[in-house]
Amino acid sequence: MHKAFAALMLALASGAIHAADVTVRTENYPRPPYSGATYYIYERDGQTICTKLQVCNKYDQCDTKYVKGSYKDELDVETGDPYGKTDAVVIGKEKLAKHVCLTKFKLTGQP
C-alpha cells in the first residue's frame, strides 16, 4: 500500500496527475474455492473517494458492491497483501460519468 501511495505522490509531484484528477487502480485477492475479488479504488488528491468490490466465481458470475471512501472486506484483510495490482490511471473528465461508483455517490464533480 505504501508503494502505491508513493507512486501516486510522485505522479502528483511530477505533474503527470493533477490534484483534481480522479484516478482508478485495482487490487486482486483470491477467494476460495475458484473465485477472486477485485477492488477498483478511486482516488482524488491522494485520498480514496470510492471503492468498487467485484467478486467473481469461476463461471464469471459476479457480485458487485460500491462503498463511499475506503473499503476492504475482512476476508481480504486477513489475506494480507494483494496478489495482483495495477498502478493508478487518470480517468478523463468526459468518462467520469461512466463509472457507477462515482455517479452513485455524486463524485464526478470537483471536490
PDB file of N, CA and C in Angstrom:
ATOM      1  N   MET A   1       0.827  -1.187   0.000  1.00  0.00           N
ATOM      2  CA  MET A   1       0.000   0.000   0.000  1.00  0.00           C
ATOM      3  C   MET A   1       0.873   1.253   0.000  1.00  0.00           C
ATOM      4  N   HIS A   2       1.981   1.202   0.727  1.00  0.00           N
ATOM      5  CA  HIS A   2       2.857   2.365   0.787  1.00  0.00           C
ATOM      6  C   HIS A   2       3.484   2.655  -0.565  1.00  0.00           C
ATOM      7  N   LYS A   3       3.815   1.615  -1.345  1.00  0.00           N
ATOM      8  CA  LYS A   3       4.405   1.810  -2.664  1.00  0.00           C
ATOM      9  C   LYS A   3       3.411   2.490  -3.602  1.00  0.00           C
ATOM     10  N   ALA A   4       2.143   2.067  -3.546  1.00  0.00           N
ATOM     11  CA  ALA A   4       1.116   2.672  -4.398  1.00  0.00           C
ATOM     12  C   ALA A   4       0.932   4.145  -4.035  1.00  0.00           C
ATOM     13  N   PHE A   5       0.930   4.444  -2.747  1.00  0.00           N
ATOM     14  CA  PHE A   5       0.781   5.826  -2.296  1.00  0.00           C
ATOM     15  C   PHE A   5       1.982   6.657  -2.737  1.00  0.00           C
ATOM     16  N   ALA A   6       3.181   6.091  -2.607  1.00  0.00           N
ATOM     17  CA  ALA A   6       4.393   6.796  -3.021  1.00  0.00           C
ATOM     18  C   ALA A   6       4.377   7.065  -4.521  1.00  0.00           C
ATOM     19  N   ALA A   7       3.918   6.086  -5.310  1.00  0.00           N
ATOM     20  CA  ALA A   7       3.834   6.266  -6.763  1.00  0.00           C
ATOM     21  C   ALA A   7       2.838   7.366  -7.115  1.00  0.00           C
ATOM     22  N   LEU A   8       1.709   7.402  -6.405  1.00  0.00           N
ATOM     23  CA  LEU A   8       0.708   8.438  -6.646  1.00  0.00           C
ATOM     24  C   LEU A   8       1.267   9.812  -6.283  1.00  0.00           C
ATOM     25  N   MET A   9       1.960   9.902  -5.166  1.00  0.00           N
ATOM     26  CA  MET A   9       2.539  11.183  -4.756  1.00  0.00           C
ATOM     27  C   MET A   9       3.602  11.646  -5.757  1.00  0.00           C
ATOM     28  N   LEU A  10       4.392  10.710  -6.279  1.00  0.00           N
ATOM     29  CA  LEU A  10       5.395  11.048  -7.287  1.00  0.00           C
ATOM     30  C   LEU A  10       4.726  11.564  -8.561  1.00  0.00           C
ATOM     31  N   ALA A  11       3.637  10.901  -8.970  1.00  0.00           N
ATOM     32  CA  ALA A  11       2.908  11.337 -10.165  1.00  0.00           C
ATOM     33  C   ALA A  11       2.298  12.720  -9.956  1.00  0.00           C
ATOM     34  N   LEU A  12       1.774  12.971  -8.763  1.00  0.00           N
ATOM     35  CA  LEU A  12       1.229  14.293  -8.457  1.00  0.00           C
ATOM     36  C   LEU A  12       2.335  15.347  -8.506  1.00  0.00           C
ATOM     37  N   ALA A  13       3.477  15.025  -7.907  1.00  0.00           N
ATOM     38  CA  ALA A  13       4.585  15.975  -7.856  1.00  0.00           C
ATOM     39  C   ALA A  13       5.158  16.258  -9.244  1.00  0.00           C
ATOM     40  N   SER A  14       5.172  15.255 -10.100  1.00  0.00           N
ATOM     41  CA  SER A  14       5.751  15.426 -11.439  1.00  0.00           C
ATOM     42  C   SER A  14       4.815  16.148 -12.397  1.00  0.00           C
ATOM     43  N   GLY A  15       3.548  16.285 -12.011  1.00  0.00           N
ATOM     44  CA  GLY A  15       2.583  16.940 -12.881  1.00  0.00           C
ATOM     45  C   GLY A  15       1.850  15.980 -13.800  1.00  0.00           C
ATOM     46  N   ALA A  16       2.185  14.682 -13.737  1.00  0.00           N
ATOM     47  CA  ALA A  16       1.502  13.692 -14.570  1.00  0.00           C
ATOM     48  C   ALA A  16       0.045  13.546 -14.139  1.00  0.00           C
ATOM     49  N   ILE A  17      -0.204  13.688 -12.850  1.00  0.00           N
ATOM     50  CA  ILE A  17      -1.561  13.650 -12.304  1.00  0.00           C
ATOM     51  C   ILE A  17      -1.758  14.941 -11.522  1.00  0.00           C
ATOM     52  N   HIS A  18      -2.866  15.623 -11.775  1.00  0.00           N
ATOM     53  CA  HIS A  18      -3.184  16.850 -11.060  1.00  0.00           C
ATOM     54  C   HIS A  18      -4.077  16.516  -9.872  1.00  0.00           C
ATOM     55  N   ALA A  19      -4.030  17.330  -8.835  1.00  0.00           N
ATOM     56  CA  ALA A  19      -4.762  17.065  -7.601  1.00  0.00           C
ATOM     57  C   ALA A  19      -6.252  16.852  -7.835  1.00  0.00           C
ATOM     58  N   ALA A  20      -6.852  17.554  -8.777  1.00  0.00           N
ATOM     59  CA  ALA A  20      -8.293  17.435  -9.018  1.00  0.00           C
ATOM     60  C   ALA A  20      -8.647  16.210  -9.863  1.00  0.00           C
ATOM     61  N   ASP A  21      -7.645  15.548 -10.454  1.00  0.00           N
ATOM     62  CA  ASP A  21      -7.908  14.369 -11.283  1.00  0.00           C
ATOM     63  C   ASP A  21      -8.414  13.215 -10.433  1.00  0.00           C
ATOM     64  N   VAL A  22      -9.285  12.412 -11.021  1.00  0.00           N
ATOM     65  CA  VAL A  22      -9.736  11.178 -10.390  1.00  0.00           C
ATOM     66  C   VAL A  22      -8.966  10.045 -11.050  1.00  0.00           C
ATOM     67  N   THR A  23      -8.388   9.187 -10.215  1.00  0.00           N
ATOM     68  CA  THR A  23      -7.653   8.035 -10.726  1.00  0.00           C
ATOM     69  C   THR A  23      -8.326   6.757 -10.257  1.00  0.00           C
ATOM     70  N   VAL A  24      -8.022   5.661 -10.942  1.00  0.00           N
ATOM     71  CA  VAL A  24      -8.507   4.351 -10.524  1.00  0.00           C
ATOM     72  C   VAL A  24      -7.341   3.373 -10.606  1.00  0.00           C
ATOM     73  N   ARG A  25      -7.268   2.504  -9.624  1.00  0.00           N
ATOM     74  CA  ARG A  25      -6.287   1.423  -9.607  1.00  0.00           C
ATOM     75  C   ARG A  25      -6.992   0.174  -9.094  1.00  0.00           C
ATOM     76  N   THR A  26      -6.377  -0.981  -9.283  1.00  0.00           N
ATOM     77  CA  THR A  26      -7.017  -2.221  -8.841  1.00  0.00           C
ATOM     78  C   THR A  26      -6.104  -3.008  -7.917  1.00  0.00           C
ATOM     79  N   GLU A  27      -6.745  -3.822  -7.083  1.00  0.00           N
ATOM     80  CA  GLU A  27      -6.067  -4.808  -6.248  1.00  0.00           C
ATOM     81  C   GLU A  27      -6.861  -6.099  -6.360  1.00  0.00           C
ATOM     82  N   ASN A  28      -6.155  -7.235  -6.480  1.00  0.00           N
ATOM     83  CA  ASN A  28      -6.802  -8.538  -6.642  1.00  0.00           C
ATOM     84  C   ASN A  28      -6.458  -9.465  -5.483  1.00  0.00           C
ATOM     85  N   TYR A  29      -7.478 -10.201  -5.018  1.00  0.00           N
ATOM     86  CA  TYR A  29      -7.322 -11.157  -3.928  1.00  0.00           C
ATOM     87  C   TYR A  29      -7.979 -12.475  -4.316  1.00  0.00           C
ATOM     88  N   PRO A  30      -7.406 -13.599  -3.859  1.00  0.00           N
ATOM     89  CA  PRO A  30      -8.042 -14.896  -4.115  1.00  0.00           C
ATOM     90  C   PRO A  30      -9.233 -15.083  -3.187  1.00  0.00           C
ATOM     91  N   ARG A  31     -10.240 -15.793  -3.660  1.00  0.00           N
ATOM     92  CA  ARG A  31     -11.398 -16.159  -2.845  1.00  0.00           C
ATOM     93  C   ARG A  31     -11.687 -17.639  -3.084  1.00  0.00           C
ATOM     94  N   PRO A  32     -11.283 -18.490  -2.165  1.00  0.00           N
ATOM     95  CA  PRO A  32     -11.517 -19.922  -2.368  1.00  0.00           C
ATOM     96  C   PRO A  32     -12.997 -20.250  -2.275  1.00  0.00           C
ATOM     97  N   PRO A  33     -13.510 -21.275  -2.881  1.00  0.00           N
ATOM     98  CA  PRO A  33     -12.794 -22.009  -3.929  1.00  0.00           C
ATOM     99  C   PRO A  33     -13.078 -21.395  -5.297  1.00  0.00           C
ATOM    100  N   TYR A  34     -12.070 -21.238  -6.099  1.00  0.00           N
ATOM    101  CA  TYR A  34     -12.170 -20.838  -7.512  1.00  0.00           C
ATOM    102  C   TYR A  34     -12.815 -19.474  -7.741  1.00  0.00           C
ATOM    103  N   SER A  35     -12.622 -18.560  -6.849  1.00  0.00           N
ATOM    104  CA  SER A  35     -13.189 -17.219  -7.005  1.00  0.00           C
ATOM    105  C   SER A  35     -12.090 -16.182  -6.817  1.00  0.00           C
ATOM    106  N   GLY A  36     -12.409 -14.958  -7.167  1.00  0.00           N
ATOM    107  CA  GLY A  36     -11.462 -13.874  -6.968  1.00  0.00           C
ATOM    108  C   GLY A  36     -12.181 -12.576  -6.679  1.00  0.00           C
ATOM    109  N   ALA A  37     -11.524 -11.711  -5.928  1.00  0.00           N
ATOM    110  CA  ALA A  37     -12.069 -10.400  -5.593  1.00  0.00           C
ATOM    111  C   ALA A  37     -11.189  -9.331  -6.225  1.00  0.00           C
ATOM    112  N   THR A  38     -11.820  -8.383  -6.907  1.00  0.00           N
ATOM    113  CA  THR A  38     -11.103  -7.255  -7.488  1.00  0.00           C
ATOM    114  C   THR A  38     -11.660  -5.968  -6.896  1.00  0.00           C
ATOM    115  N   TYR A  39     -10.769  -5.169  -6.341  1.00  0.00           N
ATOM    116  CA  TYR A  39     -11.131  -3.857  -5.823  1.00  0.00           C
ATOM    117  C   TYR A  39     -10.739  -2.809  -6.852  1.00  0.00           C
ATOM    118  N   TYR A  40     -11.678  -1.941  -7.196  1.00  0.00           N
ATOM    119  CA  TYR A  40     -11.416  -0.782  -8.044  1.00  0.00           C
ATOM    120  C   TYR A  40     -11.390   0.400  -7.086  1.00  0.00           C
ATOM    121  N   ILE A  41     -10.233   0.991  -6.908  1.00  0.00           N
ATOM    122  CA  ILE A  41     -10.038   2.025  -5.900  1.00  0.00           C
ATOM    123  C   ILE A  41      -9.920   3.377  -6.604  1.00  0.00           C
ATOM    124  N   TYR A  42     -10.922   4.218  -6.375  1.00  0.00           N
ATOM    125  CA  TYR A  42     -10.983   5.544  -6.994  1.00  0.00           C
ATOM    126  C   TYR A  42     -10.399   6.563  -6.016  1.00  0.00           C
ATOM    127  N   GLU A  43      -9.483   7.394  -6.511  1.00  0.00           N
ATOM    128  CA  GLU A  43      -8.809   8.354  -5.644  1.00  0.00           C
ATOM    129  C   GLU A  43      -8.783   9.741  -6.274  1.00  0.00           C
ATOM    130  N   ARG A  44      -8.789  10.741  -5.401  1.00  0.00           N
ATOM    131  CA  ARG A  44      -8.629  12.141  -5.816  1.00  0.00           C
ATOM    132  C   ARG A  44      -7.739  12.807  -4.772  1.00  0.00           C
ATOM    133  N   ASP A  45      -6.727  13.503  -5.235  1.00  0.00           N
ATOM    134  CA  ASP A  45      -5.830  14.245  -4.348  1.00  0.00           C
ATOM    135  C   ASP A  45      -5.228  13.345  -3.258  1.00  0.00           C
ATOM    136  N   GLY A  46      -4.896  12.099  -3.620  1.00  0.00           N
ATOM    137  CA  GLY A  46      -4.266  11.172  -2.685  1.00  0.00           C
ATOM    138  C   GLY A  46      -5.201  10.511  -1.694  1.00  0.00           C
ATOM    139  N   GLN A  47      -6.512  10.769  -1.811  1.00  0.00           N
ATOM    140  CA  GLN A  47      -7.496  10.196  -0.892  1.00  0.00           C
ATOM    141  C   GLN A  47      -8.432   9.250  -1.638  1.00  0.00           C
ATOM    142  N   THR A  48      -8.767   8.120  -1.017  1.00  0.00           N
ATOM    143  CA  THR A  48      -9.733   7.202  -1.616  1.00  0.00           C
ATOM    144  C   THR A  48     -11.122   7.802  -1.467  1.00  0.00           C
ATOM    145  N   ILE A  49     -11.825   7.960  -2.597  1.00  0.00           N
ATOM    146  CA  ILE A  49     -13.162   8.560  -2.556  1.00  0.00           C
ATOM    147  C   ILE A  49     -14.260   7.525  -2.758  1.00  0.00           C
ATOM    148  N   CYS A  50     -13.919   6.379  -3.349  1.00  0.00           N
ATOM    149  CA  CYS A  50     -14.921   5.352  -3.614  1.00  0.00           C
ATOM    150  C   CYS A  50     -14.205   4.033  -3.884  1.00  0.00           C
ATOM    151  N   THR A  51     -14.836   2.925  -3.469  1.00  0.00           N
ATOM    152  CA  THR A  51     -14.281   1.598  -3.717  1.00  0.00           C
ATOM    153  C   THR A  51     -15.365   0.706  -4.300  1.00  0.00           C
ATOM    154  N   LYS A  52     -15.026   0.047  -5.391  1.00  0.00           N
ATOM    155  CA  LYS A  52     -15.915  -0.938  -6.007  1.00  0.00           C
ATOM    156  C   LYS A  52     -15.298  -2.306  -5.753  1.00  0.00           C
ATOM    157  N   LEU A  53     -16.067  -3.210  -5.166  1.00  0.00           N
ATOM    158  CA  LEU A  53     -15.613  -4.585  -4.943  1.00  0.00           C
ATOM    159  C   LEU A  53     -16.410  -5.498  -5.855  1.00  0.00           C
ATOM    160  N   GLN A  54     -15.703  -6.260  -6.675  1.00  0.00           N
ATOM    161  CA  GLN A  54     -16.350  -7.218  -7.569  1.00  0.00           C
ATOM    162  C   GLN A  54     -15.782  -8.601  -7.263  1.00  0.00           C
ATOM    163  N   VAL A  55     -16.670  -9.516  -6.837  1.00  0.00           N
ATOM    164  CA  VAL A  55     -16.271 -10.886  -6.528  1.00  0.00           C
ATOM    165  C   VAL A  55     -16.892 -11.791  -7.580  1.00  0.00           C
ATOM    166  N   CYS A  56     -16.030 -12.516  -8.307  1.00  0.00           N
ATOM    167  CA  CYS A  56     -16.488 -13.374  -9.400  1.00  0.00           C
ATOM    168  C   CYS A  56     -16.074 -14.819  -9.149  1.00  0.00           C
ATOM    169  N   ASN A  57     -16.974 -15.757  -9.533  1.00  0.00           N
ATOM    170  CA  ASN A  57     -16.634 -17.168  -9.416  1.00  0.00           C
ATOM    171  C   ASN A  57     -16.017 -17.658 -10.721  1.00  0.00           C
ATOM    172  N   LYS A  58     -15.728 -18.953 -10.789  1.00  0.00           N
ATOM    173  CA  LYS A  58     -15.045 -19.499 -11.970  1.00  0.00           C
ATOM    174  C   LYS A  58     -15.909 -19.457 -13.225  1.00  0.00           C
ATOM    175  N   TYR A  59     -17.200 -19.215 -13.083  1.00  0.00           N
ATOM    176  CA  TYR A  59     -18.104 -19.101 -14.234  1.00  0.00           C
ATOM    177  C   TYR A  59     -18.325 -17.646 -14.638  1.00  0.00           C
ATOM    178  N   ASP A  60     -17.530 -16.746 -14.088  1.00  0.00           N
ATOM    179  CA  ASP A  60     -17.639 -15.304 -14.331  1.00  0.00           C
ATOM    180  C   ASP A  60     -18.983 -14.721 -13.900  1.00  0.00           C
ATOM    181  N   GLN A  61     -19.587 -15.327 -12.889  1.00  0.00           N
ATOM    182  CA  GLN A  61     -20.778 -14.761 -12.264  1.00  0.00           C
ATOM    183  C   GLN A  61     -20.271 -13.880 -11.129  1.00  0.00           C
ATOM    184  N   CYS A  62     -20.669 -12.611 -11.155  1.00  0.00           N
ATOM    185  CA  CYS A  62     -20.075 -11.640 -10.237  1.00  0.00           C
ATOM    186  C   CYS A  62     -21.113 -10.945  -9.358  1.00  0.00           C
ATOM    187  N   ASP A  63     -20.689 -10.614  -8.159  1.00  0.00           N
ATOM    188  CA  ASP A  63     -21.430  -9.748  -7.251  1.00  0.00           C
ATOM    189  C   ASP A  63     -20.608  -8.474  -7.096  1.00  0.00           C
ATOM    190  N   THR A  64     -21.290  -7.328  -7.105  1.00  0.00           N
ATOM    191  CA  THR A  64     -20.597  -6.049  -7.038  1.00  0.00           C
ATOM    192  C   THR A  64     -21.135  -5.231  -5.874  1.00  0.00           C
ATOM    193  N   LYS A  65     -20.221  -4.576  -5.170  1.00  0.00           N
ATOM    194  CA  LYS A  65     -20.576  -3.728  -4.035  1.00  0.00           C
ATOM    195  C   LYS A  65     -19.844  -2.399  -4.199  1.00  0.00           C
ATOM    196  N   TYR A  66     -20.542  -1.290  -3.934  1.00  0.00           N
ATOM    197  CA  TYR A  66     -19.958   0.047  -4.016  1.00  0.00           C
ATOM    198  C   TYR A  66     -19.966   0.669  -2.621  1.00  0.00           C
ATOM    199  N   VAL A  67     -18.842   1.246  -2.223  1.00  0.00           N
ATOM    200  CA  VAL A  67     -18.730   1.865  -0.910  1.00  0.00           C
ATOM    201  C   VAL A  67     -18.069   3.233  -1.074  1.00  0.00           C
ATOM    202  N   LYS A  68     -18.659   4.247  -0.468  1.00  0.00           N
ATOM    203  CA  LYS A  68     -18.040   5.573  -0.499  1.00  0.00           C
ATOM    204  C   LYS A  68     -16.831   5.553   0.430  1.00  0.00           C
ATOM    205  N   GLY A  69     -15.705   6.040  -0.063  1.00  0.00           N
ATOM    206  CA  GLY A  69     -14.480   6.029   0.728  1.00  0.00           C
ATOM    207  C   GLY A  69     -13.720   4.723   0.571  1.00  0.00           C
ATOM    208  N   SER A  70     -12.882   4.445   1.532  1.00  0.00           N
ATOM    209  CA  SER A  70     -12.027   3.255   1.501  1.00  0.00           C
ATOM    210  C   SER A  70     -12.761   2.057   2.100  1.00  0.00           C
ATOM    211  N   TYR A  71     -12.565   0.879   1.496  1.00  0.00           N
ATOM    212  CA  TYR A  71     -13.217  -0.337   1.991  1.00  0.00           C
ATOM    213  C   TYR A  71     -12.379  -1.554   1.637  1.00  0.00           C
ATOM    214  N   LYS A  72     -12.308  -2.496   2.555  1.00  0.00           N
ATOM    215  CA  LYS A  72     -11.704  -3.792   2.279  1.00  0.00           C
ATOM    216  C   LYS A  72     -12.442  -4.825   3.122  1.00  0.00           C
ATOM    217  N   ASP A  73     -12.927  -5.884   2.476  1.00  0.00           N
ATOM    218  CA  ASP A  73     -13.641  -6.957   3.150  1.00  0.00           C
ATOM    219  C   ASP A  73     -12.712  -7.664   4.135  1.00  0.00           C
ATOM    220  N   GLU A  74     -13.268  -8.127   5.239  1.00  0.00           N
ATOM    221  CA  GLU A  74     -12.487  -8.791   6.283  1.00  0.00           C
ATOM    222  C   GLU A  74     -11.688  -9.983   5.747  1.00  0.00           C
ATOM    223  N   LEU A  75     -12.268 -10.745   4.797  1.00  0.00           N
ATOM    224  CA  LEU A  75     -11.543 -11.880   4.203  1.00  0.00           C
ATOM    225  C   LEU A  75     -10.234 -11.429   3.564  1.00  0.00           C
ATOM    226  N   ASP A  76     -10.267 -10.302   2.896  1.00  0.00           N
ATOM    227  CA  ASP A  76      -9.084  -9.808   2.200  1.00  0.00           C
ATOM    228  C   ASP A  76      -8.095  -9.147   3.156  1.00  0.00           C
ATOM    229  N   VAL A  77      -8.602  -8.560   4.233  1.00  0.00           N
ATOM    230  CA  VAL A  77      -7.726  -8.018   5.270  1.00  0.00           C
ATOM    231  C   VAL A  77      -6.912  -9.162   5.875  1.00  0.00           C
ATOM    232  N   GLU A  78      -7.591 -10.296   6.138  1.00  0.00           N
ATOM    233  CA  GLU A  78      -6.913 -11.470   6.696  1.00  0.00           C
ATOM    234  C   GLU A  78      -5.890 -12.044   5.723  1.00  0.00           C
ATOM    235  N   THR A  79      -6.163 -11.963   4.421  1.00  0.00           N
ATOM    236  CA  THR A  79      -5.233 -12.475   3.409  1.00  0.00           C
ATOM    237  C   THR A  79      -3.926 -11.699   3.421  1.00  0.00           C
ATOM    238  N   GLY A  80      -4.010 -10.402   3.653  1.00  0.00           N
ATOM    239  CA  GLY A  80      -2.804  -9.567   3.658  1.00  0.00           C
ATOM    240  C   GLY A  80      -2.641  -8.824   2.353  1.00  0.00           C
ATOM    241  N   ASP A  81      -1.440  -8.851   1.801  1.00  0.00           N
ATOM    242  CA  ASP A  81      -1.150  -8.131   0.562  1.00  0.00           C
ATOM    243  C   ASP A  81      -1.901  -8.732  -0.619  1.00  0.00           C
ATOM    244  N   PRO A  82      -2.324  -7.901  -1.570  1.00  0.00           N
ATOM    245  CA  PRO A  82      -2.983  -8.421  -2.772  1.00  0.00           C
ATOM    246  C   PRO A  82      -2.000  -9.238  -3.606  1.00  0.00           C
ATOM    247  N   TYR A  83      -2.528 -10.192  -4.379  1.00  0.00           N
ATOM    248  CA  TYR A  83      -1.643 -10.982  -5.232  1.00  0.00           C
ATOM    249  C   TYR A  83      -1.444 -10.328  -6.592  1.00  0.00           C
ATOM    250  N   GLY A  84      -2.188  -9.284  -6.862  1.00  0.00           N
ATOM    251  CA  GLY A  84      -2.025  -8.528  -8.096  1.00  0.00           C
ATOM    252  C   GLY A  84      -2.567  -7.132  -7.912  1.00  0.00           C
ATOM    253  N   LYS A  85      -1.970  -6.165  -8.609  1.00  0.00           N
ATOM    254  CA  LYS A  85      -2.472  -4.792  -8.539  1.00  0.00           C
ATOM    255  C   LYS A  85      -1.986  -4.016  -9.749  1.00  0.00           C
ATOM    256  N   THR A  86      -2.693  -2.924 -10.026  1.00  0.00           N
ATOM    257  CA  THR A  86      -2.308  -2.047 -11.128  1.00  0.00           C
ATOM    258  C   THR A  86      -2.011  -0.659 -10.574  1.00  0.00           C
ATOM    259  N   ASP A  87      -1.255   0.109 -11.332  1.00  0.00           N
ATOM    260  CA  ASP A  87      -0.965   1.493 -10.955  1.00  0.00           C
ATOM    261  C   ASP A  87      -2.185   2.369 -11.225  1.00  0.00           C
ATOM    262  N   ALA A  88      -2.217   3.513 -10.570  1.00  0.00           N
ATOM    263  CA  ALA A  88      -3.311   4.469 -10.764  1.00  0.00           C
ATOM    264  C   ALA A  88      -3.274   5.047 -12.176  1.00  0.00           C
ATOM    265  N   VAL A  89      -4.459   5.148 -12.781  1.00  0.00           N
ATOM    266  CA  VAL A  89      -4.629   5.709 -14.120  1.00  0.00           C
ATOM    267  C   VAL A  89      -5.651   6.836 -14.027  1.00  0.00           C
ATOM    268  N   VAL A  90      -5.357   7.965 -14.644  1.00  0.00           N
ATOM    269  CA  VAL A  90      -6.285   9.101 -14.637  1.00  0.00           C
ATOM    270  C   VAL A  90      -7.496   8.775 -15.499  1.00  0.00           C
ATOM    271  N   ILE A  91      -8.686   9.070 -14.962  1.00  0.00           N
ATOM    272  CA  ILE A  91      -9.930   8.925 -15.717  1.00  0.00           C
ATOM    273  C   ILE A  91     -10.226  10.288 -16.339  1.00  0.00           C
ATOM    274  N   GLY A  92     -10.360  10.332 -17.645  1.00  0.00           N
ATOM    275  CA  GLY A  92     -10.678  11.583 -18.325  1.00  0.00           C
ATOM    276  C   GLY A  92     -12.002  12.155 -17.844  1.00  0.00           C
ATOM    277  N   LYS A  93     -12.083  13.468 -17.769  1.00  0.00           N
ATOM    278  CA  LYS A  93     -13.307  14.124 -17.278  1.00  0.00           C
ATOM    279  C   LYS A  93     -14.546  13.693 -18.056  1.00  0.00           C
ATOM    280  N   GLU A  94     -14.384  13.436 -19.360  1.00  0.00           N
ATOM    281  CA  GLU A  94     -15.515  13.025 -20.187  1.00  0.00           C
ATOM    282  C   GLU A  94     -15.968  11.596 -19.886  1.00  0.00           C
ATOM    283  N   LYS A  95     -15.173  10.828 -19.151  1.00  0.00           N
ATOM    284  CA  LYS A  95     -15.517   9.433 -18.852  1.00  0.00           C
ATOM    285  C   LYS A  95     -15.935   9.207 -17.405  1.00  0.00           C
ATOM    286  N   LEU A  96     -15.876  10.222 -16.574  1.00  0.00           N
ATOM    287  CA  LEU A  96     -16.212  10.062 -15.160  1.00  0.00           C
ATOM    288  C   LEU A  96     -17.632   9.545 -14.957  1.00  0.00           C
ATOM    289  N   ALA A  97     -18.579  10.034 -15.752  1.00  0.00           N
ATOM    290  CA  ALA A  97     -19.991   9.656 -15.596  1.00  0.00           C
ATOM    291  C   ALA A  97     -20.250   8.191 -15.938  1.00  0.00           C
ATOM    292  N   LYS A  98     -19.313   7.522 -16.590  1.00  0.00           N
ATOM    293  CA  LYS A  98     -19.482   6.109 -16.938  1.00  0.00           C
ATOM    294  C   LYS A  98     -19.126   5.178 -15.781  1.00  0.00           C
ATOM    295  N   HIS A  99     -18.567   5.718 -14.713  1.00  0.00           N
ATOM    296  CA  HIS A  99     -18.148   4.907 -13.570  1.00  0.00           C
ATOM    297  C   HIS A  99     -19.223   4.966 -12.484  1.00  0.00           C
ATOM    298  N   VAL A 100     -19.915   3.849 -12.296  1.00  0.00           N
ATOM    299  CA  VAL A 100     -21.045   3.783 -11.362  1.00  0.00           C
ATOM    300  C   VAL A 100     -20.629   4.188  -9.953  1.00  0.00           C
ATOM    301  N   CYS A 101     -19.460   3.770  -9.528  1.00  0.00           N
ATOM    302  CA  CYS A 101     -19.002   4.100  -8.179  1.00  0.00           C
ATOM    303  C   CYS A 101     -18.979   5.613  -7.967  1.00  0.00           C
ATOM    304  N   LEU A 102     -18.580   6.340  -8.974  1.00  0.00           N
ATOM    305  CA  LEU A 102     -18.509   7.799  -8.871  1.00  0.00           C
ATOM    306  C   LEU A 102     -19.881   8.453  -8.969  1.00  0.00           C
ATOM    307  N   THR A 103     -20.720   7.975  -9.883  1.00  0.00           N
ATOM    308  CA  THR A 103     -22.044   8.587 -10.053  1.00  0.00           C
ATOM    309  C   THR A 103     -22.973   8.247  -8.897  1.00  0.00           C
ATOM    310  N   LYS A 104     -22.864   7.047  -8.363  1.00  0.00           N
ATOM    311  CA  LYS A 104     -23.719   6.616  -7.249  1.00  0.00           C
ATOM    312  C   LYS A 104     -23.598   7.555  -6.046  1.00  0.00           C
ATOM    313  N   PHE A 105     -22.379   8.031  -5.794  1.00  0.00           N
ATOM    314  CA  PHE A 105     -22.130   8.900  -4.646  1.00  0.00           C
ATOM    315  C   PHE A 105     -21.886  10.360  -5.052  1.00  0.00           C
ATOM    316  N   LYS A 106     -22.248  10.699  -6.302  1.00  0.00           N
ATOM    317  CA  LYS A 106     -22.123  12.070  -6.815  1.00  0.00           C
ATOM    318  C   LYS A 106     -20.697  12.616  -6.663  1.00  0.00           C
ATOM    319  N   LEU A 107     -19.729  11.835  -7.141  1.00  0.00           N
ATOM    320  CA  LEU A 107     -18.319  12.194  -7.010  1.00  0.00           C
ATOM    321  C   LEU A 107     -17.674  12.579  -8.336  1.00  0.00           C
ATOM    322  N   THR A 108     -18.486  12.869  -9.350  1.00  0.00           N
ATOM    323  CA  THR A 108     -17.928  13.182 -10.669  1.00  0.00           C
ATOM    324  C   THR A 108     -17.491  14.634 -10.807  1.00  0.00           C
ATOM    325  N   GLY A 109     -17.939  15.508  -9.907  1.00  0.00           N
ATOM    326  CA  GLY A 109     -17.574  16.927  -9.974  1.00  0.00           C
ATOM    327  C   GLY A 109     -16.297  17.211  -9.223  1.00  0.00           C
ATOM    328  N   GLN A 110     -15.955  18.471  -9.115  1.00  0.00           N
ATOM    329  CA  GLN A 110     -14.765  18.898  -8.383  1.00  0.00           C
ATOM    330  C   GLN A 110     -14.991  18.712  -6.887  1.00  0.00           C
ATOM    331  N   PRO A 111     -13.902  18.523  -6.127  1.00  0.00           N
ATOM    332  CA  PRO A 111     -14.029  18.315  -4.672  1.00  0.00           C
ATOM    333  C   PRO A 111     -14.595  19.516  -3.952  1.00  0.00           C
TER     334      PRO A 111
END
